[in-house]
N, C-alpha and C. Protein backbone atom coordinates (compact mmCIF):
# COMPACT_ATOMS: atom_id res chain seq x y z
N MET A 1 -63.88 -27.80 18.81
CA MET A 1 -63.46 -28.68 17.76
C MET A 1 -62.81 -27.85 16.65
N PRO A 2 -61.58 -28.21 16.27
CA PRO A 2 -60.89 -27.43 15.25
C PRO A 2 -61.54 -27.59 13.89
N LYS A 3 -61.43 -26.47 13.16
CA LYS A 3 -62.02 -26.49 11.81
C LYS A 3 -61.10 -27.20 10.85
N LYS A 4 -61.71 -27.85 9.89
CA LYS A 4 -60.97 -28.52 8.84
C LYS A 4 -60.52 -27.50 7.82
N PRO A 5 -59.28 -27.59 7.36
CA PRO A 5 -58.87 -26.68 6.31
C PRO A 5 -59.68 -26.91 5.05
N GLN A 6 -60.07 -25.79 4.43
CA GLN A 6 -60.86 -25.91 3.21
C GLN A 6 -59.94 -26.07 2.02
N LYS A 7 -60.42 -26.79 1.06
CA LYS A 7 -59.68 -26.94 -0.17
C LYS A 7 -59.88 -25.69 -1.00
N LEU A 8 -58.76 -25.17 -1.50
CA LEU A 8 -58.85 -24.00 -2.36
C LEU A 8 -59.15 -24.46 -3.78
N LYS A 9 -60.07 -23.76 -4.40
CA LYS A 9 -60.42 -24.09 -5.77
C LYS A 9 -59.78 -23.04 -6.67
N PHE A 10 -59.00 -23.50 -7.62
CA PHE A 10 -58.34 -22.58 -8.53
C PHE A 10 -58.93 -22.74 -9.92
N ASN A 11 -59.06 -21.64 -10.56
CA ASN A 11 -59.49 -21.63 -11.94
C ASN A 11 -58.25 -21.83 -12.80
N LYS A 12 -58.25 -22.85 -13.63
CA LYS A 12 -57.09 -23.19 -14.43
C LYS A 12 -56.72 -22.04 -15.37
N GLN A 13 -57.70 -21.41 -15.95
CA GLN A 13 -57.46 -20.30 -16.89
C GLN A 13 -56.83 -19.12 -16.14
N LEU A 14 -57.31 -18.84 -14.95
CA LEU A 14 -56.77 -17.74 -14.15
C LEU A 14 -55.30 -17.98 -13.82
N LEU A 15 -54.97 -19.23 -13.46
CA LEU A 15 -53.58 -19.56 -13.15
C LEU A 15 -52.69 -19.42 -14.38
N GLN A 16 -53.17 -19.82 -15.52
CA GLN A 16 -52.38 -19.69 -16.74
C GLN A 16 -52.12 -18.21 -17.07
N ASN A 17 -53.16 -17.39 -16.93
CA ASN A 17 -52.99 -15.95 -17.20
C ASN A 17 -51.99 -15.33 -16.24
N LEU A 18 -52.07 -15.72 -14.98
CA LEU A 18 -51.14 -15.20 -13.98
C LEU A 18 -49.71 -15.63 -14.31
N GLY A 19 -49.53 -16.87 -14.70
CA GLY A 19 -48.21 -17.38 -15.09
C GLY A 19 -47.65 -16.63 -16.29
N ASN A 20 -48.49 -16.39 -17.28
CA ASN A 20 -48.05 -15.66 -18.47
C ASN A 20 -47.66 -14.23 -18.13
N THR A 21 -48.41 -13.61 -17.23
CA THR A 21 -48.10 -12.24 -16.81
C THR A 21 -46.74 -12.19 -16.12
N ILE A 22 -46.51 -13.15 -15.24
CA ILE A 22 -45.22 -13.21 -14.52
C ILE A 22 -44.08 -13.44 -15.51
N LYS A 23 -44.28 -14.36 -16.47
CA LYS A 23 -43.25 -14.62 -17.48
C LYS A 23 -42.97 -13.34 -18.30
N GLY A 24 -44.03 -12.62 -18.62
CA GLY A 24 -43.86 -11.38 -19.39
C GLY A 24 -43.04 -10.35 -18.61
N ILE A 25 -43.32 -10.23 -17.31
CA ILE A 25 -42.57 -9.28 -16.47
C ILE A 25 -41.10 -9.70 -16.40
N ILE A 26 -40.85 -10.98 -16.23
CA ILE A 26 -39.48 -11.48 -16.15
C ILE A 26 -38.76 -11.23 -17.48
N ASN A 27 -39.44 -11.48 -18.58
CA ASN A 27 -38.82 -11.28 -19.89
C ASN A 27 -38.52 -9.80 -20.14
N LYS A 28 -39.41 -8.93 -19.71
CA LYS A 28 -39.16 -7.49 -19.88
C LYS A 28 -37.95 -7.07 -19.06
N ASP A 29 -37.85 -7.58 -17.82
CA ASP A 29 -36.68 -7.26 -16.99
C ASP A 29 -35.40 -7.78 -17.62
N GLN A 30 -35.47 -8.99 -18.23
CA GLN A 30 -34.29 -9.53 -18.89
C GLN A 30 -33.93 -8.68 -20.12
N ASP A 31 -34.94 -8.21 -20.84
CA ASP A 31 -34.68 -7.35 -22.01
C ASP A 31 -33.98 -6.08 -21.58
N LYS A 32 -34.39 -5.53 -20.44
CA LYS A 32 -33.78 -4.28 -19.96
C LYS A 32 -32.33 -4.50 -19.59
N THR A 33 -32.03 -5.64 -19.01
CA THR A 33 -30.66 -5.87 -18.56
C THR A 33 -29.75 -6.29 -19.71
N THR A 34 -30.31 -6.77 -20.81
CA THR A 34 -29.49 -7.20 -21.93
C THR A 34 -29.58 -6.25 -23.11
N GLN A 35 -30.00 -5.00 -22.88
CA GLN A 35 -30.08 -4.04 -23.98
C GLN A 35 -28.68 -3.81 -24.54
N SER A 36 -28.59 -3.77 -25.85
CA SER A 36 -27.28 -3.57 -26.46
C SER A 36 -26.95 -2.09 -26.58
N SER A 37 -27.96 -1.25 -26.69
CA SER A 37 -27.68 0.19 -26.82
C SER A 37 -28.10 0.91 -25.53
N PRO A 38 -27.34 1.95 -25.16
CA PRO A 38 -27.69 2.68 -23.95
C PRO A 38 -28.98 3.49 -24.15
N SER A 39 -29.60 3.82 -23.07
CA SER A 39 -30.84 4.60 -23.16
C SER A 39 -30.52 6.04 -23.53
N MET A 40 -31.52 6.74 -24.01
CA MET A 40 -31.35 8.13 -24.38
C MET A 40 -30.94 8.96 -23.18
N TYR A 41 -31.47 8.62 -22.02
CA TYR A 41 -31.11 9.32 -20.78
C TYR A 41 -29.60 9.23 -20.56
N ASP A 42 -29.05 8.02 -20.71
CA ASP A 42 -27.61 7.83 -20.51
C ASP A 42 -26.77 8.54 -21.56
N LEU A 43 -27.30 8.64 -22.77
CA LEU A 43 -26.56 9.32 -23.83
C LEU A 43 -26.54 10.84 -23.64
N LEU A 44 -27.64 11.38 -23.13
CA LEU A 44 -27.73 12.85 -23.01
C LEU A 44 -27.20 13.37 -21.69
N ILE A 45 -27.44 12.65 -20.62
CA ILE A 45 -27.04 13.13 -19.29
C ILE A 45 -25.77 12.39 -18.88
N ARG A 46 -24.70 13.15 -18.73
CA ARG A 46 -23.38 12.54 -18.49
C ARG A 46 -23.09 12.31 -17.02
N ASN A 47 -23.69 13.10 -16.13
CA ASN A 47 -23.53 12.88 -14.68
C ASN A 47 -24.71 13.54 -13.96
N ASP A 48 -24.76 13.40 -12.64
CA ASP A 48 -25.90 13.90 -11.87
C ASP A 48 -26.02 15.41 -11.88
N ASN A 49 -24.94 16.13 -12.16
CA ASN A 49 -24.96 17.60 -12.15
C ASN A 49 -24.97 18.18 -13.56
N ASP A 50 -25.28 17.39 -14.56
CA ASP A 50 -25.23 17.83 -15.95
C ASP A 50 -26.53 18.54 -16.33
N LEU A 51 -26.58 19.84 -16.02
CA LEU A 51 -27.78 20.62 -16.33
C LEU A 51 -28.05 20.65 -17.82
N LEU A 52 -27.01 20.81 -18.61
CA LEU A 52 -27.16 20.84 -20.06
C LEU A 52 -27.79 19.54 -20.55
N GLY A 53 -27.32 18.39 -20.04
CA GLY A 53 -27.88 17.10 -20.43
C GLY A 53 -29.33 16.95 -20.01
N MET A 54 -29.66 17.46 -18.82
CA MET A 54 -31.05 17.35 -18.34
C MET A 54 -32.00 18.16 -19.22
N VAL A 55 -31.56 19.35 -19.61
CA VAL A 55 -32.40 20.16 -20.51
C VAL A 55 -32.49 19.49 -21.88
N ALA A 56 -31.38 18.91 -22.35
CA ALA A 56 -31.39 18.20 -23.64
C ALA A 56 -32.34 17.00 -23.57
N TYR A 57 -32.37 16.29 -22.44
CA TYR A 57 -33.28 15.16 -22.29
C TYR A 57 -34.73 15.62 -22.34
N CYS A 58 -35.01 16.76 -21.73
CA CYS A 58 -36.37 17.32 -21.80
C CYS A 58 -36.74 17.64 -23.25
N GLU A 59 -35.78 18.16 -24.01
CA GLU A 59 -36.03 18.45 -25.43
C GLU A 59 -36.31 17.16 -26.20
N TYR A 60 -35.56 16.10 -25.89
CA TYR A 60 -35.80 14.80 -26.52
C TYR A 60 -37.21 14.31 -26.19
N LYS A 61 -37.60 14.39 -24.91
CA LYS A 61 -38.94 13.94 -24.51
C LYS A 61 -40.03 14.76 -25.21
N LYS A 62 -39.78 16.04 -25.37
CA LYS A 62 -40.74 16.89 -26.08
C LYS A 62 -40.87 16.44 -27.53
N ALA A 63 -39.73 16.13 -28.18
CA ALA A 63 -39.76 15.65 -29.57
C ALA A 63 -40.50 14.31 -29.66
N LYS A 64 -40.29 13.44 -28.65
CA LYS A 64 -40.96 12.14 -28.65
C LYS A 64 -42.47 12.31 -28.50
N ILE A 65 -42.89 13.20 -27.62
CA ILE A 65 -44.34 13.45 -27.44
C ILE A 65 -44.94 14.01 -28.72
N GLU A 66 -44.23 14.94 -29.36
CA GLU A 66 -44.73 15.51 -30.62
C GLU A 66 -44.83 14.43 -31.71
N PHE A 67 -43.84 13.53 -31.74
CA PHE A 67 -43.86 12.43 -32.71
C PHE A 67 -45.08 11.55 -32.47
N ILE A 68 -45.32 11.20 -31.21
CA ILE A 68 -46.46 10.33 -30.89
C ILE A 68 -47.77 11.01 -31.26
N LYS A 69 -47.89 12.30 -30.97
CA LYS A 69 -49.12 13.03 -31.31
C LYS A 69 -49.33 13.09 -32.82
N SER A 70 -48.27 13.39 -33.56
CA SER A 70 -48.43 13.50 -35.02
C SER A 70 -48.69 12.12 -35.64
N TYR A 71 -48.05 11.07 -35.12
CA TYR A 71 -48.28 9.72 -35.62
C TYR A 71 -49.73 9.30 -35.36
N THR A 72 -50.18 9.60 -34.13
CA THR A 72 -51.56 9.25 -33.77
C THR A 72 -52.55 10.01 -34.65
N ALA A 73 -52.27 11.29 -34.92
CA ALA A 73 -53.18 12.10 -35.75
C ALA A 73 -53.20 11.58 -37.19
N SER A 74 -52.05 11.16 -37.71
CA SER A 74 -52.02 10.73 -39.12
C SER A 74 -52.45 9.26 -39.31
N HIS A 75 -52.22 8.40 -38.31
CA HIS A 75 -52.56 6.99 -38.46
C HIS A 75 -53.81 6.58 -37.70
N GLY A 76 -54.33 7.46 -36.88
CA GLY A 76 -55.56 7.16 -36.15
C GLY A 76 -55.35 6.28 -34.93
N ALA A 77 -54.13 5.89 -34.66
CA ALA A 77 -53.82 5.07 -33.48
C ALA A 77 -52.40 5.42 -33.03
N PRO A 78 -52.12 5.22 -31.74
CA PRO A 78 -50.76 5.51 -31.28
C PRO A 78 -49.75 4.52 -31.88
N PRO A 79 -48.49 4.92 -31.95
CA PRO A 79 -47.49 4.03 -32.54
C PRO A 79 -47.24 2.80 -31.67
N ASP A 80 -46.92 1.69 -32.34
CA ASP A 80 -46.60 0.49 -31.57
C ASP A 80 -45.12 0.51 -31.18
N ILE A 81 -44.69 -0.52 -30.46
CA ILE A 81 -43.34 -0.56 -29.91
C ILE A 81 -42.28 -0.47 -31.01
N SER A 82 -42.48 -1.13 -32.13
CA SER A 82 -41.46 -1.13 -33.19
C SER A 82 -41.30 0.28 -33.78
N VAL A 83 -42.38 1.02 -33.92
CA VAL A 83 -42.30 2.38 -34.44
C VAL A 83 -41.56 3.28 -33.44
N LEU A 84 -41.87 3.10 -32.17
CA LEU A 84 -41.18 3.89 -31.15
C LEU A 84 -39.69 3.55 -31.07
N LYS A 85 -39.35 2.24 -31.28
CA LYS A 85 -37.93 1.87 -31.29
C LYS A 85 -37.22 2.50 -32.48
N ASP A 86 -37.90 2.54 -33.63
CA ASP A 86 -37.30 3.21 -34.80
C ASP A 86 -37.06 4.69 -34.51
N PHE A 87 -38.04 5.32 -33.85
CA PHE A 87 -37.89 6.74 -33.49
C PHE A 87 -36.68 6.91 -32.56
N GLN A 88 -36.58 6.04 -31.55
CA GLN A 88 -35.48 6.17 -30.60
C GLN A 88 -34.14 5.91 -31.28
N ASN A 89 -34.07 4.90 -32.18
CA ASN A 89 -32.82 4.64 -32.89
C ASN A 89 -32.41 5.84 -33.73
N ASN A 90 -33.39 6.49 -34.32
CA ASN A 90 -33.11 7.71 -35.09
C ASN A 90 -32.58 8.82 -34.18
N GLN A 91 -33.15 8.91 -32.99
CA GLN A 91 -32.73 9.96 -32.05
C GLN A 91 -31.38 9.66 -31.41
N CYS A 92 -30.97 8.39 -31.37
CA CYS A 92 -29.73 8.01 -30.69
C CYS A 92 -28.47 8.26 -31.52
N ASN A 93 -28.60 8.70 -32.76
CA ASN A 93 -27.37 8.94 -33.52
C ASN A 93 -26.66 10.19 -33.00
N ALA A 94 -25.40 10.29 -33.25
CA ALA A 94 -24.55 11.35 -32.68
C ALA A 94 -25.04 12.75 -33.08
N ALA A 95 -25.51 12.89 -34.32
CA ALA A 95 -25.96 14.20 -34.79
C ALA A 95 -27.19 14.68 -34.00
N MET A 96 -28.13 13.77 -33.74
CA MET A 96 -29.33 14.15 -32.99
C MET A 96 -29.00 14.46 -31.53
N ILE A 97 -28.08 13.69 -30.95
CA ILE A 97 -27.69 13.94 -29.56
C ILE A 97 -27.05 15.32 -29.46
N GLU A 98 -26.15 15.62 -30.39
CA GLU A 98 -25.51 16.95 -30.38
C GLU A 98 -26.53 18.05 -30.67
N SER A 99 -27.52 17.74 -31.50
CA SER A 99 -28.58 18.72 -31.78
C SER A 99 -29.37 19.04 -30.50
N HIS A 100 -29.74 18.00 -29.75
CA HIS A 100 -30.47 18.22 -28.49
C HIS A 100 -29.60 19.00 -27.49
N ARG A 101 -28.31 18.65 -27.40
CA ARG A 101 -27.41 19.34 -26.47
C ARG A 101 -27.18 20.79 -26.91
N ALA A 102 -27.10 21.04 -28.22
CA ALA A 102 -26.92 22.41 -28.71
C ALA A 102 -28.16 23.25 -28.41
N PHE A 103 -29.34 22.64 -28.60
CA PHE A 103 -30.58 23.35 -28.26
C PHE A 103 -30.59 23.72 -26.78
N ALA A 104 -30.18 22.76 -25.94
CA ALA A 104 -30.15 23.00 -24.49
C ALA A 104 -29.16 24.10 -24.15
N ALA A 105 -27.99 24.09 -24.79
CA ALA A 105 -26.98 25.12 -24.53
C ALA A 105 -27.50 26.50 -24.91
N ASN A 106 -28.17 26.60 -26.04
CA ASN A 106 -28.74 27.89 -26.46
C ASN A 106 -29.83 28.36 -25.50
N LEU A 107 -30.65 27.43 -25.05
CA LEU A 107 -31.72 27.78 -24.11
C LEU A 107 -31.14 28.26 -22.78
N ILE A 108 -30.16 27.54 -22.26
CA ILE A 108 -29.54 27.94 -20.99
C ILE A 108 -28.84 29.29 -21.14
N GLU A 109 -28.17 29.49 -22.27
CA GLU A 109 -27.50 30.77 -22.50
C GLU A 109 -28.51 31.92 -22.56
N SER A 110 -29.62 31.70 -23.25
CA SER A 110 -30.65 32.74 -23.34
C SER A 110 -31.23 33.09 -21.98
N VAL A 111 -31.52 32.06 -21.20
CA VAL A 111 -32.07 32.30 -19.86
C VAL A 111 -31.04 33.03 -19.00
N SER A 112 -29.78 32.62 -19.11
CA SER A 112 -28.72 33.27 -18.32
C SER A 112 -28.58 34.74 -18.70
N ILE A 113 -28.64 35.03 -19.99
CA ILE A 113 -28.52 36.42 -20.43
C ILE A 113 -29.65 37.25 -19.86
N VAL A 114 -30.86 36.73 -19.90
CA VAL A 114 -32.01 37.46 -19.36
C VAL A 114 -31.83 37.68 -17.86
N LEU A 115 -31.46 36.62 -17.14
CA LEU A 115 -31.29 36.75 -15.69
C LEU A 115 -30.17 37.71 -15.34
N PHE A 116 -29.03 37.58 -16.02
CA PHE A 116 -27.89 38.44 -15.68
C PHE A 116 -28.13 39.87 -16.12
N SER A 117 -28.84 40.08 -17.23
CA SER A 117 -29.11 41.46 -17.64
C SER A 117 -30.04 42.15 -16.64
N ASP A 118 -31.01 41.41 -16.11
CA ASP A 118 -31.87 41.97 -15.07
C ASP A 118 -31.07 42.30 -13.82
N ALA A 119 -30.17 41.40 -13.44
CA ALA A 119 -29.34 41.64 -12.25
C ALA A 119 -28.42 42.84 -12.47
N LEU A 120 -27.83 42.94 -13.66
CA LEU A 120 -26.96 44.08 -13.96
C LEU A 120 -27.74 45.39 -13.96
N LYS A 121 -28.96 45.36 -14.46
CA LYS A 121 -29.79 46.57 -14.45
C LYS A 121 -30.08 47.00 -13.02
N GLN A 122 -30.41 46.04 -12.16
CA GLN A 122 -30.67 46.37 -10.76
C GLN A 122 -29.42 46.93 -10.09
N ILE A 123 -28.27 46.37 -10.39
CA ILE A 123 -27.02 46.86 -9.80
C ILE A 123 -26.74 48.27 -10.27
N SER A 124 -26.92 48.52 -11.57
CA SER A 124 -26.65 49.87 -12.08
C SER A 124 -27.65 50.89 -11.53
N ASP A 125 -28.90 50.47 -11.33
CA ASP A 125 -29.89 51.38 -10.71
C ASP A 125 -29.48 51.71 -9.28
N LYS A 126 -29.02 50.73 -8.52
CA LYS A 126 -28.59 50.98 -7.14
C LYS A 126 -27.34 51.86 -7.12
N GLU A 127 -26.46 51.65 -8.09
CA GLU A 127 -25.25 52.46 -8.17
C GLU A 127 -25.61 53.92 -8.45
N ALA A 128 -26.56 54.15 -9.36
CA ALA A 128 -27.00 55.51 -9.64
C ALA A 128 -27.64 56.13 -8.41
N SER A 129 -28.43 55.35 -7.69
CA SER A 129 -29.06 55.84 -6.47
C SER A 129 -28.01 56.22 -5.43
N LEU A 130 -26.97 55.40 -5.28
CA LEU A 130 -25.90 55.71 -4.33
C LEU A 130 -25.13 56.97 -4.74
N LYS A 131 -24.92 57.17 -6.03
CA LYS A 131 -24.24 58.40 -6.49
C LYS A 131 -25.07 59.63 -6.16
N THR A 132 -26.38 59.53 -6.34
CA THR A 132 -27.26 60.65 -6.01
C THR A 132 -27.19 60.96 -4.52
N LEU A 133 -27.22 59.94 -3.68
CA LEU A 133 -27.12 60.14 -2.23
C LEU A 133 -25.77 60.75 -1.86
N GLN A 134 -24.71 60.32 -2.50
CA GLN A 134 -23.38 60.86 -2.22
C GLN A 134 -23.32 62.34 -2.59
N GLN A 135 -23.92 62.71 -3.71
CA GLN A 135 -23.93 64.12 -4.12
C GLN A 135 -24.73 64.96 -3.12
N GLU A 136 -25.86 64.44 -2.64
CA GLU A 136 -26.65 65.15 -1.64
C GLU A 136 -25.85 65.35 -0.35
N LEU A 137 -25.14 64.32 0.08
CA LEU A 137 -24.32 64.44 1.29
C LEU A 137 -23.20 65.47 1.12
N GLU A 138 -22.58 65.47 -0.04
CA GLU A 138 -21.53 66.45 -0.30
C GLU A 138 -22.10 67.87 -0.30
N LYS A 139 -23.31 68.02 -0.84
CA LYS A 139 -23.95 69.34 -0.86
C LYS A 139 -24.24 69.81 0.57
N ARG A 140 -24.75 68.90 1.41
CA ARG A 140 -25.05 69.25 2.81
C ARG A 140 -23.77 69.58 3.58
N ASN A 141 -22.73 68.81 3.33
CA ASN A 141 -21.46 69.05 4.02
C ASN A 141 -20.84 70.39 3.61
N SER A 142 -21.07 70.78 2.38
CA SER A 142 -20.50 72.07 1.94
C SER A 142 -21.21 73.24 2.63
N LYS A 143 -22.45 73.06 3.06
CA LYS A 143 -23.19 74.11 3.76
C LYS A 143 -22.77 74.23 5.23
N CYS A 144 -22.20 73.15 5.79
CA CYS A 144 -21.77 73.18 7.19
C CYS A 144 -20.50 74.02 7.31
N PRO A 145 -20.41 74.86 8.40
CA PRO A 145 -19.19 75.67 8.56
C PRO A 145 -18.00 74.77 8.87
N LYS A 146 -16.88 75.15 8.30
CA LYS A 146 -15.65 74.41 8.54
C LYS A 146 -15.10 74.82 9.90
N ASN A 147 -14.49 73.94 10.62
CA ASN A 147 -13.90 74.23 11.92
C ASN A 147 -12.53 74.87 11.68
N PRO A 148 -12.39 76.17 12.01
CA PRO A 148 -11.12 76.83 11.73
C PRO A 148 -10.02 76.46 12.73
N PHE A 149 -10.41 75.86 13.83
CA PHE A 149 -9.45 75.55 14.88
C PHE A 149 -8.85 74.16 14.67
N SER A 150 -7.59 74.08 15.04
CA SER A 150 -6.93 72.80 14.91
C SER A 150 -7.18 71.97 16.16
N PHE A 151 -6.74 70.76 16.12
CA PHE A 151 -6.90 69.86 17.25
C PHE A 151 -6.14 70.39 18.46
N TRP A 152 -4.92 70.84 18.28
CA TRP A 152 -4.10 71.28 19.40
C TRP A 152 -4.63 72.57 20.02
N PHE A 153 -5.27 73.39 19.18
CA PHE A 153 -5.89 74.60 19.72
C PHE A 153 -7.04 74.22 20.64
N SER A 154 -7.78 73.21 20.26
CA SER A 154 -8.89 72.73 21.10
C SER A 154 -8.37 72.15 22.41
N VAL A 155 -7.26 71.43 22.36
CA VAL A 155 -6.67 70.86 23.58
C VAL A 155 -6.21 71.99 24.51
N ALA A 156 -5.55 73.00 23.95
CA ALA A 156 -5.05 74.11 24.76
C ALA A 156 -6.19 74.90 25.40
N SER A 157 -7.27 75.13 24.64
CA SER A 157 -8.40 75.87 25.19
C SER A 157 -9.08 75.08 26.30
N SER A 158 -9.16 73.74 26.15
CA SER A 158 -9.75 72.91 27.20
C SER A 158 -8.88 72.94 28.46
N LEU A 159 -7.58 72.91 28.31
CA LEU A 159 -6.66 72.96 29.44
C LEU A 159 -6.76 74.30 30.17
N LEU A 160 -6.83 75.39 29.44
CA LEU A 160 -6.97 76.73 30.01
C LEU A 160 -8.27 76.85 30.79
N ALA A 161 -9.35 76.33 30.21
CA ALA A 161 -10.65 76.38 30.90
C ALA A 161 -10.61 75.59 32.20
N THR A 162 -9.91 74.46 32.20
CA THR A 162 -9.79 73.64 33.42
C THR A 162 -9.00 74.40 34.50
N ILE A 163 -7.93 75.05 34.13
CA ILE A 163 -7.12 75.81 35.09
C ILE A 163 -7.92 76.97 35.66
N LEU A 164 -8.62 77.71 34.80
CA LEU A 164 -9.44 78.84 35.27
C LEU A 164 -10.53 78.36 36.21
N PHE A 165 -11.16 77.25 35.90
CA PHE A 165 -12.19 76.70 36.77
C PHE A 165 -11.59 76.34 38.14
N GLY A 166 -10.38 75.78 38.13
CA GLY A 166 -9.72 75.44 39.38
C GLY A 166 -9.41 76.66 40.22
N ILE A 167 -8.97 77.72 39.58
CA ILE A 167 -8.67 78.97 40.30
C ILE A 167 -9.94 79.53 40.93
N VAL A 168 -11.01 79.55 40.16
CA VAL A 168 -12.29 80.07 40.68
C VAL A 168 -12.74 79.24 41.87
N MET A 169 -12.58 77.93 41.82
CA MET A 169 -13.00 77.08 42.92
C MET A 169 -12.14 77.33 44.17
N ILE A 170 -10.86 77.48 43.97
CA ILE A 170 -9.97 77.74 45.11
C ILE A 170 -10.29 79.07 45.75
N VAL A 171 -10.52 80.09 44.92
CA VAL A 171 -10.85 81.43 45.45
C VAL A 171 -12.17 81.38 46.19
N SER A 172 -13.16 80.74 45.67
CA SER A 172 -14.46 80.68 46.35
C SER A 172 -14.34 79.90 47.66
N TRP A 173 -13.51 78.88 47.69
CA TRP A 173 -13.32 78.11 48.91
C TRP A 173 -12.60 78.96 49.97
N LEU A 174 -11.60 79.64 49.47
CA LEU A 174 -10.86 80.51 50.39
C LEU A 174 -11.70 81.69 50.86
N SER A 175 -12.58 82.18 50.03
CA SER A 175 -13.38 83.35 50.43
C SER A 175 -14.31 83.01 51.59
N GLY A 176 -14.69 81.77 51.70
CA GLY A 176 -15.51 81.37 52.82
C GLY A 176 -14.69 81.33 54.11
N TYR A 177 -13.41 81.08 54.04
CA TYR A 177 -12.54 80.98 55.21
C TYR A 177 -11.75 82.27 55.47
N LEU A 178 -11.66 83.16 54.50
CA LEU A 178 -10.86 84.39 54.68
C LEU A 178 -11.36 85.26 55.84
N PRO A 179 -12.66 85.54 55.98
CA PRO A 179 -13.06 86.39 57.10
C PRO A 179 -12.71 85.77 58.44
N SER A 180 -12.90 84.49 58.60
CA SER A 180 -12.56 83.87 59.88
C SER A 180 -11.05 83.82 60.07
N LEU A 181 -10.26 83.72 58.99
CA LEU A 181 -8.81 83.73 59.08
C LEU A 181 -8.31 85.10 59.54
N PHE A 182 -8.90 86.17 58.96
CA PHE A 182 -8.48 87.54 59.38
C PHE A 182 -8.86 87.80 60.83
N SER A 183 -10.01 87.34 61.25
CA SER A 183 -10.40 87.56 62.64
C SER A 183 -9.50 86.76 63.57
N TRP A 184 -9.10 85.62 63.24
CA TRP A 184 -8.20 84.82 64.06
C TRP A 184 -6.82 85.48 64.15
N LEU A 185 -6.33 85.95 62.98
CA LEU A 185 -5.03 86.63 62.97
C LEU A 185 -5.07 87.91 63.83
N SER A 186 -6.15 88.65 63.77
CA SER A 186 -6.26 89.88 64.56
C SER A 186 -6.32 89.56 66.04
N LYS A 187 -6.91 88.44 66.42
CA LYS A 187 -6.97 88.08 67.83
C LYS A 187 -5.59 87.67 68.33
N ILE A 188 -4.81 87.03 67.51
CA ILE A 188 -3.49 86.60 67.93
C ILE A 188 -2.54 87.78 68.04
N SER A 189 -2.56 88.66 67.09
CA SER A 189 -1.65 89.79 67.09
C SER A 189 -2.07 90.90 68.05
N ALA A 190 -3.27 90.94 68.48
CA ALA A 190 -3.75 91.98 69.40
C ALA A 190 -3.29 91.67 70.83
N PRO A 191 -2.76 92.72 71.57
CA PRO A 191 -2.36 92.48 72.93
C PRO A 191 -3.57 92.31 73.83
N ASN A 192 -3.41 91.48 74.72
CA ASN A 192 -4.48 91.27 75.67
C ASN A 192 -4.22 91.97 76.90
């Protein structure tokens, strides 16, 4: 036997709270899409490869965190939305944007100088090491005797050695056959 569907019981207050929450989310999304001023991110970062803008945005976030901490310390509570909007409006003026970008440029330049100076020091150390090795090689080469013979003298001496070796081989080959050659010649010339 199939079961009867049960009636769901809803709490009226719970449904109202849920409805208000959904309306609040929708209104926040509408506020984001109808903002009249661009976000600080858009003002500081000009494209996806804008390292200077990304560092400037980090500086802005650091200033915002410091503002929230100091406000909380002096007022005993964190700032509300209107105070944060005032802070952001103050930060969105052209002078503050250029200030954040200038700070980022100085920071990147300082880091670059440190990195490049370390790299240059390593290169100069390796260059000095190579000069020392070159001097040692030159010193060793100066101790080696110089070859007084020219290339053509070496070729001529090799050719002479080859000819002499050939003569020795021919003579040794013939010396094995000479006694039998003389005996054969004596048998032919001798009368029988």
